[in-house]
Amino acid sequence: MLVLEVPMNVSLTPELEQLVAEKVKTGRYTSASEVIREALRLLEEQDHLRQQRLAEVRQKIDRGLAQLDAGKGIPRDKVRSKLHRGAAR
């Protein structure tokens, strides 16, 4: 699959421009474009991790709802007393 790079102009705040310039100065990156590409890769990774965590939370909620439907829940009065005891600590 051939991917063509299309030039893109991006406006950055002065603070972000300075950050990019500092990253290039360290020698770790050879250009501002390389810094931005790395930042976007990290953003994509962070988004992926966030989606994984969300999926895990949804699975836990579904499991809890299934337990409630199966009658494996904690009675309301016990939940309230546990909450009150926890709040009193």
C-alpha atoms as a PDB file:
ATOM      1  CA  MET A   1       0.000   0.000   0.000  1.00  0.00           C
ATOM      2  CA  LEU A   2       1.490   3.297  -1.091  1.00  0.00           C
ATOM      3  CA  VAL A   3       1.031   6.179   1.311  1.00  0.00           C
ATOM      4  CA  LEU A   4       1.692   9.654   0.005  1.00  0.00           C
ATOM      5  CA  GLU A   5       2.707  12.329   2.445  1.00  0.00           C
ATOM      6  CA  VAL A   6       0.719  15.486   1.977  1.00  0.00           C
ATOM      7  CA  PRO A   7       2.376  18.640   3.282  1.00  0.00           C
ATOM      8  CA  MET A   8       0.403  20.111   6.144  1.00  0.00           C
ATOM      9  CA  ASN A   9       0.755  23.393   7.939  1.00  0.00           C
ATOM     10  CA  VAL A  10      -0.010  23.349  11.626  1.00  0.00           C
ATOM     11  CA  SER A  11      -0.351  26.347  13.907  1.00  0.00           C
ATOM     12  CA  LEU A  12       1.134  25.958  17.370  1.00  0.00           C
ATOM     13  CA  THR A  13       1.085  28.207  20.372  1.00  0.00           C
ATOM     14  CA  PRO A  14       4.431  29.874  21.138  1.00  0.00           C
ATOM     15  CA  GLU A  15       4.838  27.520  24.108  1.00  0.00           C
ATOM     16  CA  LEU A  16       4.376  24.445  21.931  1.00  0.00           C
ATOM     17  CA  GLU A  17       6.709  25.841  19.274  1.00  0.00           C
ATOM     18  CA  GLN A  18       9.333  26.288  21.971  1.00  0.00           C
ATOM     19  CA  LEU A  19       8.781  22.750  23.228  1.00  0.00           C
ATOM     20  CA  VAL A  20       9.204  21.331  19.719  1.00  0.00           C
ATOM     21  CA  ALA A  21      12.371  23.390  19.194  1.00  0.00           C
ATOM     22  CA  GLU A  22      13.775  22.169  22.520  1.00  0.00           C
ATOM     23  CA  LYS A  23      13.089  18.560  21.566  1.00  0.00           C
ATOM     24  CA  VAL A  24      14.960  19.020  18.279  1.00  0.00           C
ATOM     25  CA  LYS A  25      17.859  20.731  20.110  1.00  0.00           C
ATOM     26  CA  THR A  26      18.355  17.652  22.287  1.00  0.00           C
ATOM     27  CA  GLY A  27      19.389  15.751  19.177  1.00  0.00           C
ATOM     28  CA  ARG A  28      16.879  13.006  19.747  1.00  0.00           C
ATOM     29  CA  TYR A  29      14.799  14.333  16.844  1.00  0.00           C
ATOM     30  CA  THR A  30      16.153  15.660  13.569  1.00  0.00           C
ATOM     31  CA  SER A  31      13.215  17.896  12.733  1.00  0.00           C
ATOM     32  CA  ALA A  32      10.028  19.452  14.031  1.00  0.00           C
ATOM     33  CA  SER A  33       8.069  17.039  11.843  1.00  0.00           C
ATOM     34  CA  GLU A  34       9.686  14.110  13.605  1.00  0.00           C
ATOM     35  CA  VAL A  35       8.687  15.536  16.998  1.00  0.00           C
ATOM     36  CA  ILE A  36       5.100  15.993  15.853  1.00  0.00           C
ATOM     37  CA  ARG A  37       4.943  12.468  14.380  1.00  0.00           C
ATOM     38  CA  GLU A  38       6.191  11.022  17.679  1.00  0.00           C
ATOM     39  CA  ALA A  39       3.653  13.087  19.610  1.00  0.00           C
ATOM     40  CA  LEU A  40       0.858  11.821  17.372  1.00  0.00           C
ATOM     41  CA  ARG A  41       2.026   8.210  17.762  1.00  0.00           C
ATOM     42  CA  LEU A  42       1.943   8.662  21.537  1.00  0.00           C
ATOM     43  CA  LEU A  43      -1.514  10.240  21.347  1.00  0.00           C
ATOM     44  CA  GLU A  44      -2.748   7.269  19.318  1.00  0.00           C
ATOM     45  CA  GLU A  45      -1.266   4.883  21.891  1.00  0.00           C
ATOM     46  CA  GLN A  46      -2.924   6.811  24.730  1.00  0.00           C
ATOM     47  CA  ASP A  47      -6.279   6.724  22.917  1.00  0.00           C
ATOM     48  CA  HIS A  48      -5.913   2.973  22.431  1.00  0.00           C
ATOM     49  CA  LEU A  49      -5.173   2.443  26.141  1.00  0.00           C
ATOM     50  CA  ARG A  50      -8.152   4.610  27.091  1.00  0.00           C
ATOM     51  CA  GLN A  51     -10.405   2.507  24.852  1.00  0.00           C
ATOM     52  CA  GLN A  52      -9.071  -0.686  26.440  1.00  0.00           C
ATOM     53  CA  ARG A  53      -9.765   0.635  29.935  1.00  0.00           C
ATOM     54  CA  LEU A  54     -13.249   1.697  28.919  1.00  0.00           C
ATOM     55  CA  ALA A  55     -13.938  -1.758  27.502  1.00  0.00           C
ATOM     56  CA  GLU A  56     -12.732  -3.319  30.779  1.00  0.00           C
ATOM     57  CA  VAL A  57     -15.011  -1.054  32.827  1.00  0.00           C
ATOM     58  CA  ARG A  58     -17.954  -1.920  30.591  1.00  0.00           C
ATOM     59  CA  GLN A  59     -17.224  -5.634  31.047  1.00  0.00           C
ATOM     60  CA  LYS A  60     -17.181  -5.195  34.833  1.00  0.00           C
ATOM     61  CA  ILE A  61     -20.473  -3.318  34.718  1.00  0.00           C
ATOM     62  CA  ASP A  62     -22.026  -6.026  32.541  1.00  0.00           C
ATOM     63  CA  ARG A  63     -20.747  -8.707  34.925  1.00  0.00           C
ATOM     64  CA  GLY A  64     -22.207  -6.830  37.903  1.00  0.00           C
ATOM     65  CA  LEU A  65     -25.556  -6.385  36.184  1.00  0.00           C
ATOM     66  CA  ALA A  66     -25.622 -10.087  35.314  1.00  0.00           C
ATOM     67  CA  GLN A  67     -24.927 -10.920  38.963  1.00  0.00           C
ATOM     68  CA  LEU A  68     -27.783  -8.670  40.027  1.00  0.00           C
ATOM     69  CA  ASP A  69     -30.096 -10.321  37.500  1.00  0.00           C
ATOM     70  CA  ALA A  70     -29.069 -13.713  38.918  1.00  0.00           C
ATOM     71  CA  GLY A  71     -30.027 -12.558  42.407  1.00  0.00           C
ATOM     72  CA  LYS A  72     -26.443 -12.327  43.639  1.00  0.00           C
ATOM     73  CA  GLY A  73     -26.699  -8.718  44.725  1.00  0.00           C
ATOM     74  CA  ILE A  74     -26.259  -7.307  48.207  1.00  0.00           C
ATOM     75  CA  PRO A  75     -29.495  -6.235  49.913  1.00  0.00           C
ATOM     76  CA  ARG A  76     -30.035  -2.468  49.988  1.00  0.00           C
ATOM     77  CA  ASP A  77     -29.900  -2.168  53.791  1.00  0.00           C
ATOM     78  CA  LYS A  78     -26.500  -3.925  53.901  1.00  0.00           C
ATOM     79  CA  VAL A  79     -25.140  -1.628  51.188  1.00  0.00           C
ATOM     80  CA  ARG A  80     -26.306   1.446  53.078  1.00  0.00           C
ATOM     81  CA  SER A  81     -24.790   0.265  56.357  1.00  0.00           C
ATOM     82  CA  LYS A  82     -21.478  -0.513  54.630  1.00  0.00           C
ATOM     83  CA  LEU A  83     -21.481   2.946  53.049  1.00  0.00           C
ATOM     84  CA  HIS A  84     -22.238   4.611  56.364  1.00  0.00           C
ATOM     85  CA  ARG A  85     -19.508   2.653  58.127  1.00  0.00           C
ATOM     86  CA  GLY A  86     -17.037   3.581  55.391  1.00  0.00           C
ATOM     87  CA  ALA A  87     -17.988   7.259  55.564  1.00  0.00           C
ATOM     88  CA  ALA A  88     -17.565   7.282  59.350  1.00  0.00           C
ATOM     89  CA  ARG A  89     -13.884   6.269  59.103  1.00  0.00           C
END
